[in-house]
């Protein structure tokens, strides 16, 4: 038989559509052609496959060889098609039987020696193939990753020869190790941060309600230390959350590492990161930092140093929990339900209002520095707090404060309460939900009306105060939002001022 069909998968965002690798041997001068919208990596597979077959002691047919990757309109990229192309050539040239190929799907990059290298996106491919009824054959390193999917039928191979031996019945392939992966708990502990009781309380509220946070303070006050310890306050990941995060990380160039299973992602890109690096994109769209932080934390240090256009691209994902990347030939969507933790200085030099006489920034310089952050972006950050310099007595104190585990226990209890009441965290409440679940008592409503008048709150800021107040009430075990909860929530909106943002940091 001069025609063979092998099943594989492409990647299109989080989806891995099926691809039929059709190999035909025809008469004519020897040639090797790949069609079906292949990108450069796929076209280069011709040389890798030829060398791998030769070094595995197979015969490369001296005939007109045509490989079609169907459907033709779907772009194909990466080296994952090396293995199915090689098997198609062997089946079409009758060096291996073609009857068993329909029971499997294959993906793997071939080295010149015939060894199999891991491929990007193994987890999304396995997730997409679970309903096909076929067994997925993957390189050994990628098979361990795919084994995280419950119920998936996976075989692990080290080389092209092992795959062929399995197909002819000489030596059966084994499944992945499926080692028991436990949630990593070695997060830095919050009790290592001295002082900053107000900031720690704000992070506790943020962890309970899934709110975003902006910390403003001079250098050396512990903003980065607080941010890196924030994941330790979050509840343990569910299996579904862990699978979503692992699938997104599998699409990144570094891939997913098994030791990070059920560990909250913590992404901290440098402020020189481009819009594509932060949000995602490229010719073959890949997830950016906001998607790689899905179900975890995105920490943006030195927030005003990021490009304003880059930061404003966060506004829609912060509301919707996803990002759609459109290109002329394709459109993909990535989830991006992250918690934003940001940090900034109060001025260019960082010492405004601190260390008497040290700041030399003019009002115009301060205004330009803070003007790098757009109002609509700041309006979407639920909690905005000041992180002042730590007094010497706190640095020398022997009481380290509460540990992350104790705070996490309160966070988990509050989340159980809010999930039982409304089915989602408070930061995700819609306007209709706010009107239903965040109704303050009479004193709280009066205080909120005064805040609207004096602070000039937008409608979005008004609803965000109510959401934060609802979280504070849940942490206290209260059924009703009271004036005390409203007052604490108002204090967490440091940048909501009618006169000038510049007065927000003055004491």
Foldseek 3Di string as FASTA:
>chain_A
DQKAWAKAWADAFLATDIKIKIKGFDADAFDEEEAQQEDPQCVVLVQLLVLQCVLVVHDQDRTHMYIYIPPSLDHHDDQFCSLVNSVRRCCSVVVAPRPCRVQEYGTFHAGSNFFTDATFQLQSRQVNCQPVNHEYEGAQVSQLLNLLDPPGHYFHDGGSVQVRCCRRVNDNTDGHPPDDADADQPQDKQLVQFDPPVVVVVLLLCQLQVFAEEEEAFPPLCLVVVLSRSQLLHDFDDSVQQSLLQSLQSNDPVHHDRNNRRRQDEAEDALVDDLCQAQWDDPSTHGHPLLNNRRHEYEYEQVLSHQLVSLVVVLVCLQVQKDWYDDPSDIYIGGRSHHYYYYHAQFDNRAVQHDPPPDDDDPVRSCVSVVSHDPSSLLRRQFYYYRYHDDPCRVPDPRSDDISVVSSVLSVQLNVVVCVVPNHRLSNDDPVRLVVQQDAPPLLVVVLVVCCVFLVRDPSNSSSLSSSLSSVCSSVVHRHRYNVSSVSSSNRSLQRGDPDSSCSPHD
